[in-house]
Amino acid sequence: MRVLVTGFGPFGNCKVNASWEVVKVLAEEGLGEDHSLEIDEIPVVYEAVQDRAPLLWSEKKPDLTVHVGVSPYDSVTFEQYGRNFGYSKPDILGRFPNMECCVPDGPDCIRSRLDMDLVQLNIKARGISVETCISDDAGRYLCDFLYFLSLSLGQGPVAFVHIPSLDKEYSCMELAKALRLIILAMIDQLVEKATV
């Protein structure tokens, strides 16, 4: 399976974005011989996301895309929905998306095709070492913006995982190992669906 994993670049007081650091460590670990893994760093800029997201799908042709962002919370969070409207917080260039929305005339929200409850059950059975939870609101900033845009392209399964910053409880390696288990659980779910 071809897997694309993205992380974000620096923003605000976050000079080193935990999401990109964790994604880079994941790339060193890999997903095993059966799966190829490509990574990409996304700037915290609305216009760059709008340009980059469609290119990632057309260039990389992933079977699964997992976007990773950093959040202020202490747990690893699986985002169930991407939202189209309400982007009133400026990006690192001080800009907003047109009409504060992702896709004009698009739906209010899109749910991931992946069942995050099943992902959570799967990783708990594998003995994941970090706290996890499921969220219905990815935050109306670049994380949510990228997630909704990726989901709206309809090119394949998409997930968004928020991780804590590196000054919280978990190390970069612990988060990378957890992300690896999460992605393998998502792959298992997709393989199972394909064989039903």
C-alpha atoms as a PDB file:
ATOM      1  CA  MET A   1       0.000   0.000   0.000  1.00  0.00           C
ATOM      2  CA  ARG A   2       1.238   3.518  -0.837  1.00  0.00           C
ATOM      3  CA  VAL A   3       0.949   5.770   2.212  1.00  0.00           C
ATOM      4  CA  LEU A   4       1.460   9.531   2.250  1.00  0.00           C
ATOM      5  CA  VAL A   5       2.002  11.237   5.602  1.00  0.00           C
ATOM      6  CA  THR A   6       2.242  14.998   5.968  1.00  0.00           C
ATOM      7  CA  GLY A   7       3.353  17.255   8.792  1.00  0.00           C
ATOM      8  CA  PHE A   8       3.319  21.025   9.126  1.00  0.00           C
ATOM      9  CA  GLY A   9       6.112  23.573   9.158  1.00  0.00           C
ATOM     10  CA  PRO A  10       6.753  26.182  11.877  1.00  0.00           C
ATOM     11  CA  PHE A  11       4.095  28.672  12.986  1.00  0.00           C
ATOM     12  CA  GLY A  12       3.722  31.289  15.733  1.00  0.00           C
ATOM     13  CA  ASN A  13       5.832  30.431  18.766  1.00  0.00           C
ATOM     14  CA  CYS A  14       6.267  26.904  17.417  1.00  0.00           C
ATOM     15  CA  LYS A  15       9.685  27.209  15.749  1.00  0.00           C
ATOM     16  CA  VAL A  16       9.960  23.421  15.479  1.00  0.00           C
ATOM     17  CA  ASN A  17       6.641  21.812  14.618  1.00  0.00           C
ATOM     18  CA  ALA A  18       6.246  18.504  16.452  1.00  0.00           C
ATOM     19  CA  SER A  19       4.109  17.119  13.628  1.00  0.00           C
ATOM     20  CA  TRP A  20       6.932  17.349  11.081  1.00  0.00           C
ATOM     21  CA  GLU A  21       9.553  16.088  13.551  1.00  0.00           C
ATOM     22  CA  VAL A  22       7.425  13.025  14.335  1.00  0.00           C
ATOM     23  CA  VAL A  23       6.708  12.384  10.636  1.00  0.00           C
ATOM     24  CA  LYS A  24      10.451  12.486   9.861  1.00  0.00           C
ATOM     25  CA  VAL A  25      11.177   9.915  12.588  1.00  0.00           C
ATOM     26  CA  LEU A  26       8.316   7.754  11.276  1.00  0.00           C
ATOM     27  CA  ALA A  27       9.922   7.863   7.813  1.00  0.00           C
ATOM     28  CA  GLU A  28      13.179   6.545   9.285  1.00  0.00           C
ATOM     29  CA  GLU A  29      11.277   3.680  10.971  1.00  0.00           C
ATOM     30  CA  GLY A  30       9.093   2.927   7.934  1.00  0.00           C
ATOM     31  CA  LEU A  31       5.899   0.875   7.815  1.00  0.00           C
ATOM     32  CA  GLY A  32       7.442  -2.474   6.895  1.00  0.00           C
ATOM     33  CA  GLU A  33       8.271  -4.120   3.595  1.00  0.00           C
ATOM     34  CA  ASP A  34       4.658  -4.382   2.437  1.00  0.00           C
ATOM     35  CA  HIS A  35       4.015  -0.636   2.379  1.00  0.00           C
ATOM     36  CA  SER A  36       5.747   2.349   0.802  1.00  0.00           C
ATOM     37  CA  LEU A  37       5.827   5.596   2.759  1.00  0.00           C
ATOM     38  CA  GLU A  38       6.265   9.113   1.452  1.00  0.00           C
ATOM     39  CA  ILE A  39       6.282  12.246   3.573  1.00  0.00           C
ATOM     40  CA  ASP A  40       5.723  15.918   2.853  1.00  0.00           C
ATOM     41  CA  GLU A  41       6.054  19.103   4.913  1.00  0.00           C
ATOM     42  CA  ILE A  42       3.147  21.520   4.484  1.00  0.00           C
ATOM     43  CA  PRO A  43       3.574  25.263   5.116  1.00  0.00           C
ATOM     44  CA  VAL A  44       1.111  26.858   7.550  1.00  0.00           C
ATOM     45  CA  VAL A  45      -0.293  28.994   4.720  1.00  0.00           C
ATOM     46  CA  TYR A  46      -3.837  28.658   3.362  1.00  0.00           C
ATOM     47  CA  GLU A  47      -2.883  29.385  -0.249  1.00  0.00           C
ATOM     48  CA  ALA A  48      -0.012  26.889  -0.140  1.00  0.00           C
ATOM     49  CA  VAL A  49      -2.375  24.206   1.192  1.00  0.00           C
ATOM     50  CA  GLN A  50      -4.877  24.912  -1.591  1.00  0.00           C
ATOM     51  CA  ASP A  51      -2.113  24.555  -4.187  1.00  0.00           C
ATOM     52  CA  ARG A  52      -0.280  21.620  -2.602  1.00  0.00           C
ATOM     53  CA  ALA A  53      -3.105  19.248  -1.613  1.00  0.00           C
ATOM     54  CA  PRO A  54      -4.295  18.421  -5.163  1.00  0.00           C
ATOM     55  CA  LEU A  55      -0.680  18.023  -6.329  1.00  0.00           C
ATOM     56  CA  LEU A  56       0.060  15.531  -3.581  1.00  0.00           C
ATOM     57  CA  TRP A  57      -2.785  13.318  -4.760  1.00  0.00           C
ATOM     58  CA  SER A  58      -1.842  13.564  -8.432  1.00  0.00           C
ATOM     59  CA  GLU A  59       1.925  13.155  -7.906  1.00  0.00           C
ATOM     60  CA  LYS A  60       2.052  10.586  -5.100  1.00  0.00           C
ATOM     61  CA  LYS A  61      -1.145   8.642  -5.883  1.00  0.00           C
ATOM     62  CA  PRO A  62      -1.501   7.394  -2.285  1.00  0.00           C
ATOM     63  CA  ASP A  63      -3.787   4.565  -1.207  1.00  0.00           C
ATOM     64  CA  LEU A  64      -3.981   6.254   2.207  1.00  0.00           C
ATOM     65  CA  THR A  65      -3.180   9.812   3.257  1.00  0.00           C
ATOM     66  CA  VAL A  66      -2.588  10.702   6.888  1.00  0.00           C
ATOM     67  CA  HIS A  67      -2.175  14.348   7.799  1.00  0.00           C
ATOM     68  CA  VAL A  68      -0.518  15.098  11.143  1.00  0.00           C
ATOM     69  CA  GLY A  69      -0.735  18.346  13.099  1.00  0.00           C
ATOM     70  CA  VAL A  70       0.158  19.561  16.561  1.00  0.00           C
ATOM     71  CA  SER A  71      -2.436  20.466  19.187  1.00  0.00           C
ATOM     72  CA  PRO A  72      -2.313  21.909  22.716  1.00  0.00           C
ATOM     73  CA  TYR A  73      -3.805  18.735  24.189  1.00  0.00           C
ATOM     74  CA  ASP A  74      -1.971  15.912  25.954  1.00  0.00           C
ATOM     75  CA  SER A  75      -3.385  13.017  23.938  1.00  0.00           C
ATOM     76  CA  VAL A  76      -3.098  11.824  20.359  1.00  0.00           C
ATOM     77  CA  THR A  77      -6.386  12.779  18.718  1.00  0.00           C
ATOM     78  CA  PHE A  78      -8.111  11.181  15.732  1.00  0.00           C
ATOM     79  CA  GLU A  79     -10.166  13.740  13.864  1.00  0.00           C
ATOM     80  CA  GLN A  80     -13.396  12.311  12.474  1.00  0.00           C
ATOM     81  CA  TYR A  81     -14.564  15.350  10.419  1.00  0.00           C
ATOM     82  CA  GLY A  82     -13.117  18.116   8.282  1.00  0.00           C
ATOM     83  CA  ARG A  83     -15.035  21.418   8.294  1.00  0.00           C
ATOM     84  CA  ASN A  84     -15.501  23.797   5.382  1.00  0.00           C
ATOM     85  CA  PHE A  85     -16.313  27.119   7.075  1.00  0.00           C
ATOM     86  CA  GLY A  86     -15.102  29.344   9.890  1.00  0.00           C
ATOM     87  CA  TYR A  87     -11.442  29.944   9.040  1.00  0.00           C
ATOM     88  CA  SER A  88     -11.071  33.309  10.769  1.00  0.00           C
ATOM     89  CA  LYS A  89      -7.561  32.829  12.184  1.00  0.00           C
ATOM     90  CA  PRO A  90      -4.761  34.217   9.964  1.00  0.00           C
ATOM     91  CA  ASP A  91      -1.983  31.955   8.661  1.00  0.00           C
ATOM     92  CA  ILE A  92       1.720  32.726   9.208  1.00  0.00           C
ATOM     93  CA  LEU A  93       1.546  35.354   6.441  1.00  0.00           C
ATOM     94  CA  GLY A  94      -1.407  37.077   8.137  1.00  0.00           C
ATOM     95  CA  ARG A  95      -3.836  35.932   5.422  1.00  0.00           C
ATOM     96  CA  PHE A  96      -7.231  34.245   5.472  1.00  0.00           C
ATOM     97  CA  PRO A  97      -8.886  31.998   2.893  1.00  0.00           C
ATOM     98  CA  ASN A  98     -11.457  33.588   0.597  1.00  0.00           C
ATOM     99  CA  MET A  99     -14.820  33.902   2.430  1.00  0.00           C
ATOM    100  CA  GLU A 100     -13.164  32.110   5.388  1.00  0.00           C
ATOM    101  CA  CYS A 101     -13.981  28.798   3.753  1.00  0.00           C
ATOM    102  CA  CYS A 102     -12.117  25.952   2.152  1.00  0.00           C
ATOM    103  CA  VAL A 103     -14.285  24.996  -0.829  1.00  0.00           C
ATOM    104  CA  PRO A 104     -16.924  27.521  -1.960  1.00  0.00           C
ATOM    105  CA  ASP A 105     -20.299  25.805  -2.404  1.00  0.00           C
ATOM    106  CA  GLY A 106     -18.926  22.712  -0.641  1.00  0.00           C
ATOM    107  CA  PRO A 107     -20.690  20.872   2.181  1.00  0.00           C
ATOM    108  CA  ASP A 108     -20.378  22.057   5.786  1.00  0.00           C
ATOM    109  CA  CYS A 109     -18.330  19.028   6.765  1.00  0.00           C
ATOM    110  CA  ILE A 110     -17.035  15.700   5.473  1.00  0.00           C
ATOM    111  CA  ARG A 111     -16.503  12.579   7.563  1.00  0.00           C
ATOM    112  CA  SER A 112     -13.461  10.400   7.029  1.00  0.00           C
ATOM    113  CA  ARG A 113     -14.120   7.046   5.380  1.00  0.00           C
ATOM    114  CA  LEU A 114     -11.984   5.494   8.104  1.00  0.00           C
ATOM    115  CA  ASP A 115     -13.773   4.406  11.263  1.00  0.00           C
ATOM    116  CA  MET A 116     -11.765   6.089  14.027  1.00  0.00           C
ATOM    117  CA  ASP A 117     -13.481   4.007  16.739  1.00  0.00           C
ATOM    118  CA  LEU A 118     -12.131   0.850  15.086  1.00  0.00           C
ATOM    119  CA  VAL A 119      -8.683   2.417  14.741  1.00  0.00           C
ATOM    120  CA  GLN A 120      -8.692   3.209  18.446  1.00  0.00           C
ATOM    121  CA  LEU A 121      -9.790  -0.329  19.376  1.00  0.00           C
ATOM    122  CA  ASN A 122      -7.111  -1.828  17.125  1.00  0.00           C
ATOM    123  CA  ILE A 123      -4.241   0.198  18.573  1.00  0.00           C
ATOM    124  CA  LYS A 124      -5.344  -0.435  22.158  1.00  0.00           C
ATOM    125  CA  ALA A 125      -5.231  -4.156  21.394  1.00  0.00           C
ATOM    126  CA  ARG A 126      -1.668  -3.646  20.086  1.00  0.00           C
ATOM    127  CA  GLY A 127      -0.658  -1.998  23.355  1.00  0.00           C
ATOM    128  CA  ILE A 128      -0.135   1.592  22.260  1.00  0.00           C
ATOM    129  CA  SER A 129       1.799   3.567  24.873  1.00  0.00           C
ATOM    130  CA  VAL A 130       0.114   6.966  24.472  1.00  0.00           C
ATOM    131  CA  GLU A 131      -3.327   8.276  25.412  1.00  0.00           C
ATOM    132  CA  THR A 132      -5.709   8.626  22.466  1.00  0.00           C
ATOM    133  CA  CYS A 133      -9.122  10.126  21.862  1.00  0.00           C
ATOM    134  CA  ILE A 134     -11.513  10.882  19.011  1.00  0.00           C
ATOM    135  CA  SER A 135     -12.607  14.409  18.108  1.00  0.00           C
ATOM    136  CA  ASP A 136     -15.367  15.854  15.928  1.00  0.00           C
ATOM    137  CA  ASP A 137     -13.697  19.268  15.537  1.00  0.00           C
ATOM    138  CA  ALA A 138     -10.187  19.676  14.105  1.00  0.00           C
ATOM    139  CA  GLY A 139     -10.003  23.345  15.078  1.00  0.00           C
ATOM    140  CA  ARG A 140     -10.747  25.615  12.076  1.00  0.00           C
ATOM    141  CA  TYR A 141      -7.110  26.380  11.344  1.00  0.00           C
ATOM    142  CA  LEU A 142      -4.655  24.970   8.812  1.00  0.00           C
ATOM    143  CA  CYS A 143      -5.050  21.417  10.136  1.00  0.00           C
ATOM    144  CA  ASP A 144      -8.799  21.409   9.597  1.00  0.00           C
ATOM    145  CA  PHE A 145      -8.400  23.319   6.329  1.00  0.00           C
ATOM    146  CA  LEU A 146      -6.009  20.719   4.883  1.00  0.00           C
ATOM    147  CA  TYR A 147      -8.147  17.856   6.169  1.00  0.00           C
ATOM    148  CA  PHE A 148     -11.353  19.165   4.606  1.00  0.00           C
ATOM    149  CA  LEU A 149      -9.612  19.948   1.319  1.00  0.00           C
ATOM    150  CA  SER A 150      -8.086  16.464   1.152  1.00  0.00           C
ATOM    151  CA  LEU A 151     -11.409  14.839   1.993  1.00  0.00           C
ATOM    152  CA  SER A 152     -13.220  16.984  -0.573  1.00  0.00           C
ATOM    153  CA  LEU A 153     -10.896  15.850  -3.361  1.00  0.00           C
ATOM    154  CA  GLY A 154     -12.352  12.350  -2.913  1.00  0.00           C
ATOM    155  CA  GLN A 155      -9.242  10.601  -4.187  1.00  0.00           C
ATOM    156  CA  GLY A 156      -8.914   8.031  -1.420  1.00  0.00           C
ATOM    157  CA  PRO A 157      -9.046   7.411   2.330  1.00  0.00           C
ATOM    158  CA  VAL A 158      -7.838  10.348   4.430  1.00  0.00           C
ATOM    159  CA  ALA A 159      -7.183  10.706   8.151  1.00  0.00           C
ATOM    160  CA  PHE A 160      -6.036  13.529  10.375  1.00  0.00           C
ATOM    161  CA  VAL A 161      -4.122  12.868  13.591  1.00  0.00           C
ATOM    162  CA  HIS A 162      -3.330  15.600  16.095  1.00  0.00           C
ATOM    163  CA  ILE A 163      -0.339  14.977  18.346  1.00  0.00           C
ATOM    164  CA  PRO A 164       0.790  16.828  21.488  1.00  0.00           C
ATOM    165  CA  SER A 165       3.715  19.237  21.301  1.00  0.00           C
ATOM    166  CA  LEU A 166       7.115  17.824  22.230  1.00  0.00           C
ATOM    167  CA  ASP A 167       7.213  19.735  25.517  1.00  0.00           C
ATOM    168  CA  LYS A 168       4.345  17.565  26.782  1.00  0.00           C
ATOM    169  CA  GLU A 169       4.450  14.038  28.164  1.00  0.00           C
ATOM    170  CA  TYR A 170       5.719  12.081  25.134  1.00  0.00           C
ATOM    171  CA  SER A 171       9.000  12.064  23.245  1.00  0.00           C
ATOM    172  CA  CYS A 172       9.304  12.374  19.482  1.00  0.00           C
ATOM    173  CA  MET A 173      10.191   8.663  19.258  1.00  0.00           C
ATOM    174  CA  GLU A 174       7.202   7.610  21.383  1.00  0.00           C
ATOM    175  CA  LEU A 175       4.869   9.649  19.187  1.00  0.00           C
ATOM    176  CA  ALA A 176       6.437   8.280  15.993  1.00  0.00           C
ATOM    177  CA  LYS A 177       5.987   4.695  17.239  1.00  0.00           C
ATOM    178  CA  ALA A 178       2.376   5.471  18.150  1.00  0.00           C
ATOM    179  CA  LEU A 179       1.768   7.051  14.724  1.00  0.00           C
ATOM    180  CA  ARG A 180       3.201   3.946  13.071  1.00  0.00           C
ATOM    181  CA  LEU A 181       0.747   1.705  14.987  1.00  0.00           C
ATOM    182  CA  ILE A 182      -2.112   4.049  14.099  1.00  0.00           C
ATOM    183  CA  ILE A 183      -1.295   3.982  10.393  1.00  0.00           C
ATOM    184  CA  LEU A 184      -0.931   0.185  10.399  1.00  0.00           C
ATOM    185  CA  ALA A 185      -4.355  -0.058  12.078  1.00  0.00           C
ATOM    186  CA  MET A 186      -5.800   2.156   9.337  1.00  0.00           C
ATOM    187  CA  ILE A 187      -4.197  -0.034   6.673  1.00  0.00           C
ATOM    188  CA  ASP A 188      -5.657  -3.147   8.334  1.00  0.00           C
ATOM    189  CA  GLN A 189      -9.102  -1.544   8.215  1.00  0.00           C
ATOM    190  CA  LEU A 190      -8.763  -0.710   4.518  1.00  0.00           C
ATOM    191  CA  VAL A 191      -7.508  -4.190   3.661  1.00  0.00           C
ATOM    192  CA  GLU A 192     -10.373  -5.774   5.584  1.00  0.00           C
ATOM    193  CA  LYS A 193     -12.928  -3.589   3.788  1.00  0.00           C
ATOM    194  CA  ALA A 194     -11.398  -4.521   0.416  1.00  0.00           C
ATOM    195  CA  THR A 195     -11.736  -8.239   1.111  1.00  0.00           C
ATOM    196  CA  VAL A 196     -15.368  -8.113   2.285  1.00  0.00           C
END
